Amino acid sequence: MTSNAACWRQPATALAIATSLLSACATGGSDPGGAACPPVVGYDQATRDKAAAELEALPEDAALVGMMADYAVMRAQAQACAG
């Protein structure tokens, strides 16, 4: 039995190149009305204090610490987007 894996390499490479070239031509989002900003959920002070205490109780190398830092950046971006 012969392998046909080599037959798929060239079209997949060509497709990847074509996709990247076509996406480089895009100047804006696909939404004609402009980018939609995600909603930013508001938290009361008691909830923020509780979350901060829980986060401080985690070990420094906990995955959740890094994920929460990413979440803070995304919240700031969403707030900036909304104006």
N, C-alpha and C. Protein backbone atom coordinates (compact mmCIF):
# COMPACT_ATOMS: atom_id res chain seq x y z
N MET A 1 0.85 -1.17 0.00
CA MET A 1 0.00 0.00 0.00
C MET A 1 0.90 1.24 0.00
N THR A 2 0.58 2.21 -0.84
CA THR A 2 1.38 3.43 -0.92
C THR A 2 0.67 4.54 -0.14
N SER A 3 1.48 5.43 0.37
CA SER A 3 0.95 6.55 1.14
C SER A 3 0.64 7.72 0.21
N ASN A 4 -0.46 8.40 0.45
CA ASN A 4 -0.79 9.57 -0.35
C ASN A 4 -0.63 10.85 0.46
N ALA A 5 0.11 10.80 1.57
CA ALA A 5 0.29 11.96 2.43
C ALA A 5 0.96 13.11 1.69
N ALA A 6 1.89 12.80 0.79
CA ALA A 6 2.59 13.85 0.06
C ALA A 6 1.64 14.61 -0.86
N CYS A 7 0.57 13.98 -1.29
CA CYS A 7 -0.39 14.64 -2.17
C CYS A 7 -1.10 15.79 -1.46
N TRP A 8 -1.22 15.73 -0.15
CA TRP A 8 -1.95 16.75 0.59
C TRP A 8 -1.07 17.91 1.03
N ARG A 9 0.23 17.75 1.02
CA ARG A 9 1.12 18.80 1.51
C ARG A 9 1.04 20.06 0.65
N GLN A 10 1.16 19.92 -0.65
CA GLN A 10 1.20 21.09 -1.51
C GLN A 10 -0.11 21.88 -1.49
N PRO A 11 -1.29 21.26 -1.64
CA PRO A 11 -2.52 22.04 -1.58
C PRO A 11 -2.71 22.72 -0.22
N ALA A 12 -2.34 22.06 0.86
CA ALA A 12 -2.50 22.67 2.17
C ALA A 12 -1.60 23.89 2.30
N THR A 13 -0.39 23.81 1.79
CA THR A 13 0.53 24.94 1.83
C THR A 13 0.00 26.07 0.96
N ALA A 14 -0.49 25.74 -0.21
CA ALA A 14 -1.03 26.77 -1.10
C ALA A 14 -2.25 27.43 -0.48
N LEU A 15 -3.09 26.66 0.18
CA LEU A 15 -4.26 27.21 0.83
C LEU A 15 -3.87 28.15 1.97
N ALA A 16 -2.87 27.78 2.74
CA ALA A 16 -2.41 28.63 3.84
C ALA A 16 -1.85 29.95 3.30
N ILE A 17 -1.08 29.88 2.23
CA ILE A 17 -0.51 31.10 1.64
C ILE A 17 -1.61 31.99 1.08
N ALA A 18 -2.56 31.39 0.36
CA ALA A 18 -3.65 32.17 -0.21
C ALA A 18 -4.49 32.83 0.87
N THR A 19 -4.76 32.10 1.95
CA THR A 19 -5.55 32.65 3.05
C THR A 19 -4.84 33.83 3.69
N SER A 20 -3.53 33.70 3.91
CA SER A 20 -2.81 34.80 4.54
C SER A 20 -2.73 36.02 3.62
N LEU A 21 -2.59 35.79 2.32
CA LEU A 21 -2.55 36.92 1.39
C LEU A 21 -3.90 37.63 1.32
N LEU A 22 -4.97 36.86 1.31
CA LEU A 22 -6.30 37.47 1.24
C LEU A 22 -6.65 38.21 2.52
N SER A 23 -6.25 37.65 3.65
CA SER A 23 -6.57 38.32 4.91
C SER A 23 -5.72 39.58 5.09
N ALA A 24 -4.58 39.65 4.45
CA ALA A 24 -3.74 40.85 4.54
C ALA A 24 -4.39 42.02 3.82
N CYS A 25 -5.29 41.75 2.90
CA CYS A 25 -5.98 42.81 2.16
C CYS A 25 -7.12 43.42 2.96
N ALA A 26 -7.56 42.75 3.99
CA ALA A 26 -8.69 43.24 4.77
C ALA A 26 -8.27 44.49 5.54
N THR A 27 -9.10 45.51 5.48
CA THR A 27 -8.77 46.76 6.16
C THR A 27 -9.63 46.99 7.39
N GLY A 28 -10.67 46.22 7.56
CA GLY A 28 -11.54 46.42 8.71
C GLY A 28 -12.21 45.11 9.08
N GLY A 29 -13.08 45.18 10.06
CA GLY A 29 -13.80 44.01 10.51
C GLY A 29 -14.87 43.62 9.51
N SER A 30 -15.48 42.49 9.73
CA SER A 30 -16.51 42.02 8.83
C SER A 30 -17.85 42.67 9.13
N ASP A 31 -17.99 43.33 10.26
CA ASP A 31 -19.22 44.00 10.64
C ASP A 31 -19.25 45.37 9.96
N PRO A 32 -20.21 45.61 9.05
CA PRO A 32 -20.21 46.88 8.33
C PRO A 32 -20.46 48.08 9.24
N GLY A 33 -21.07 47.88 10.39
CA GLY A 33 -21.34 48.98 11.31
C GLY A 33 -20.16 49.30 12.20
N GLY A 34 -19.06 48.65 12.05
CA GLY A 34 -17.91 48.85 12.92
C GLY A 34 -17.79 47.71 13.91
N ALA A 35 -16.75 47.75 14.69
CA ALA A 35 -16.50 46.68 15.66
C ALA A 35 -17.50 46.78 16.80
N ALA A 36 -18.01 45.65 17.20
CA ALA A 36 -18.91 45.60 18.35
C ALA A 36 -18.09 45.39 19.61
N CYS A 37 -18.31 46.21 20.58
CA CYS A 37 -17.57 46.09 21.84
C CYS A 37 -18.27 45.08 22.74
N PRO A 38 -17.52 44.19 23.35
CA PRO A 38 -18.15 43.24 24.28
C PRO A 38 -18.59 43.98 25.54
N PRO A 39 -19.65 43.51 26.17
CA PRO A 39 -20.11 44.18 27.39
C PRO A 39 -19.12 43.96 28.53
N VAL A 40 -19.02 44.96 29.38
CA VAL A 40 -18.15 44.86 30.56
C VAL A 40 -19.07 44.74 31.77
N VAL A 41 -18.97 43.62 32.45
CA VAL A 41 -19.80 43.37 33.63
C VAL A 41 -19.28 44.20 34.79
N GLY A 42 -20.17 44.85 35.49
CA GLY A 42 -19.79 45.63 36.66
C GLY A 42 -19.89 44.78 37.92
N TYR A 43 -18.96 44.96 38.84
CA TYR A 43 -18.97 44.23 40.10
C TYR A 43 -18.99 45.23 41.24
N ASP A 44 -19.78 44.90 42.28
CA ASP A 44 -19.81 45.81 43.43
C ASP A 44 -18.51 45.67 44.23
N GLN A 45 -18.26 46.60 45.12
CA GLN A 45 -17.00 46.64 45.88
C GLN A 45 -16.81 45.38 46.72
N ALA A 46 -17.86 44.87 47.32
CA ALA A 46 -17.74 43.66 48.16
C ALA A 46 -17.27 42.47 47.32
N THR A 47 -17.81 42.34 46.11
CA THR A 47 -17.40 41.24 45.23
C THR A 47 -15.96 41.41 44.79
N ARG A 48 -15.56 42.63 44.47
CA ARG A 48 -14.16 42.89 44.06
C ARG A 48 -13.20 42.61 45.21
N ASP A 49 -13.58 43.00 46.43
CA ASP A 49 -12.73 42.73 47.59
C ASP A 49 -12.58 41.24 47.84
N LYS A 50 -13.69 40.50 47.72
CA LYS A 50 -13.64 39.05 47.92
C LYS A 50 -12.77 38.39 46.87
N ALA A 51 -12.92 38.80 45.61
CA ALA A 51 -12.11 38.22 44.53
C ALA A 51 -10.63 38.52 44.73
N ALA A 52 -10.32 39.74 45.17
CA ALA A 52 -8.91 40.10 45.41
C ALA A 52 -8.32 39.25 46.53
N ALA A 53 -9.08 39.03 47.60
CA ALA A 53 -8.59 38.20 48.71
C ALA A 53 -8.38 36.76 48.26
N GLU A 54 -9.29 36.24 47.46
CA GLU A 54 -9.15 34.87 46.96
C GLU A 54 -7.95 34.75 46.02
N LEU A 55 -7.73 35.75 45.20
CA LEU A 55 -6.59 35.74 44.28
C LEU A 55 -5.27 35.82 45.03
N GLU A 56 -5.22 36.65 46.08
CA GLU A 56 -4.00 36.77 46.88
C GLU A 56 -3.69 35.48 47.63
N ALA A 57 -4.70 34.68 47.93
CA ALA A 57 -4.50 33.43 48.66
C ALA A 57 -3.91 32.33 47.77
N LEU A 58 -3.97 32.50 46.48
CA LEU A 58 -3.43 31.49 45.56
C LEU A 58 -1.90 31.56 45.54
N PRO A 59 -1.25 30.43 45.28
CA PRO A 59 0.20 30.47 45.11
C PRO A 59 0.57 31.28 43.87
N GLU A 60 1.76 31.89 43.88
CA GLU A 60 2.18 32.75 42.77
C GLU A 60 2.20 32.03 41.43
N ASP A 61 2.52 30.74 41.45
CA ASP A 61 2.62 30.00 40.19
C ASP A 61 1.31 29.36 39.76
N ALA A 62 0.20 29.73 40.40
CA ALA A 62 -1.10 29.19 40.02
C ALA A 62 -1.49 29.70 38.63
N ALA A 63 -2.04 28.83 37.83
CA ALA A 63 -2.45 29.21 36.47
C ALA A 63 -3.51 30.29 36.51
N LEU A 64 -4.35 30.26 37.50
CA LEU A 64 -5.44 31.24 37.59
C LEU A 64 -4.92 32.67 37.75
N VAL A 65 -3.77 32.84 38.37
CA VAL A 65 -3.19 34.18 38.54
C VAL A 65 -2.91 34.79 37.17
N GLY A 66 -2.28 34.04 36.30
CA GLY A 66 -1.98 34.53 34.95
C GLY A 66 -3.24 34.75 34.14
N MET A 67 -4.22 33.86 34.30
CA MET A 67 -5.47 34.00 33.56
C MET A 67 -6.22 35.26 34.00
N MET A 68 -6.18 35.57 35.27
CA MET A 68 -6.86 36.78 35.76
C MET A 68 -6.15 38.04 35.26
N ALA A 69 -4.84 37.98 35.11
CA ALA A 69 -4.11 39.12 34.55
C ALA A 69 -4.54 39.35 33.10
N ASP A 70 -4.71 38.26 32.35
CA ASP A 70 -5.19 38.37 30.97
C ASP A 70 -6.60 38.95 30.94
N TYR A 71 -7.44 38.51 31.88
CA TYR A 71 -8.81 38.99 31.96
C TYR A 71 -8.84 40.49 32.25
N ALA A 72 -7.94 40.94 33.10
CA ALA A 72 -7.88 42.38 33.41
C ALA A 72 -7.54 43.19 32.15
N VAL A 73 -6.64 42.68 31.34
CA VAL A 73 -6.27 43.36 30.09
C VAL A 73 -7.47 43.40 29.14
N MET A 74 -8.18 42.27 29.03
CA MET A 74 -9.34 42.22 28.14
C MET A 74 -10.45 43.16 28.62
N ARG A 75 -10.64 43.26 29.93
CA ARG A 75 -11.64 44.19 30.47
C ARG A 75 -11.27 45.63 30.12
N ALA A 76 -9.99 45.96 30.27
CA ALA A 76 -9.53 47.33 29.95
C ALA A 76 -9.74 47.61 28.46
N GLN A 77 -9.47 46.64 27.61
CA GLN A 77 -9.67 46.83 26.17
C GLN A 77 -11.14 47.00 25.84
N ALA A 78 -12.00 46.23 26.49
CA ALA A 78 -13.44 46.34 26.24
C ALA A 78 -13.96 47.70 26.71
N GLN A 79 -13.45 48.17 27.85
CA GLN A 79 -13.87 49.48 28.34
C GLN A 79 -13.41 50.58 27.39
N ALA A 80 -12.19 50.46 26.87
CA ALA A 80 -11.68 51.45 25.92
C ALA A 80 -12.48 51.41 24.62
N CYS A 81 -12.87 50.25 24.21
CA CYS A 81 -13.66 50.08 22.98
C CYS A 81 -15.01 50.76 23.13
N ALA A 82 -15.62 50.60 24.29
CA ALA A 82 -16.95 51.17 24.52
C ALA A 82 -16.89 52.69 24.67
N GLY A 83 -15.71 53.20 24.99
CA GLY A 83 -15.54 54.63 25.09
C GLY A 83 -15.71 55.13 26.44
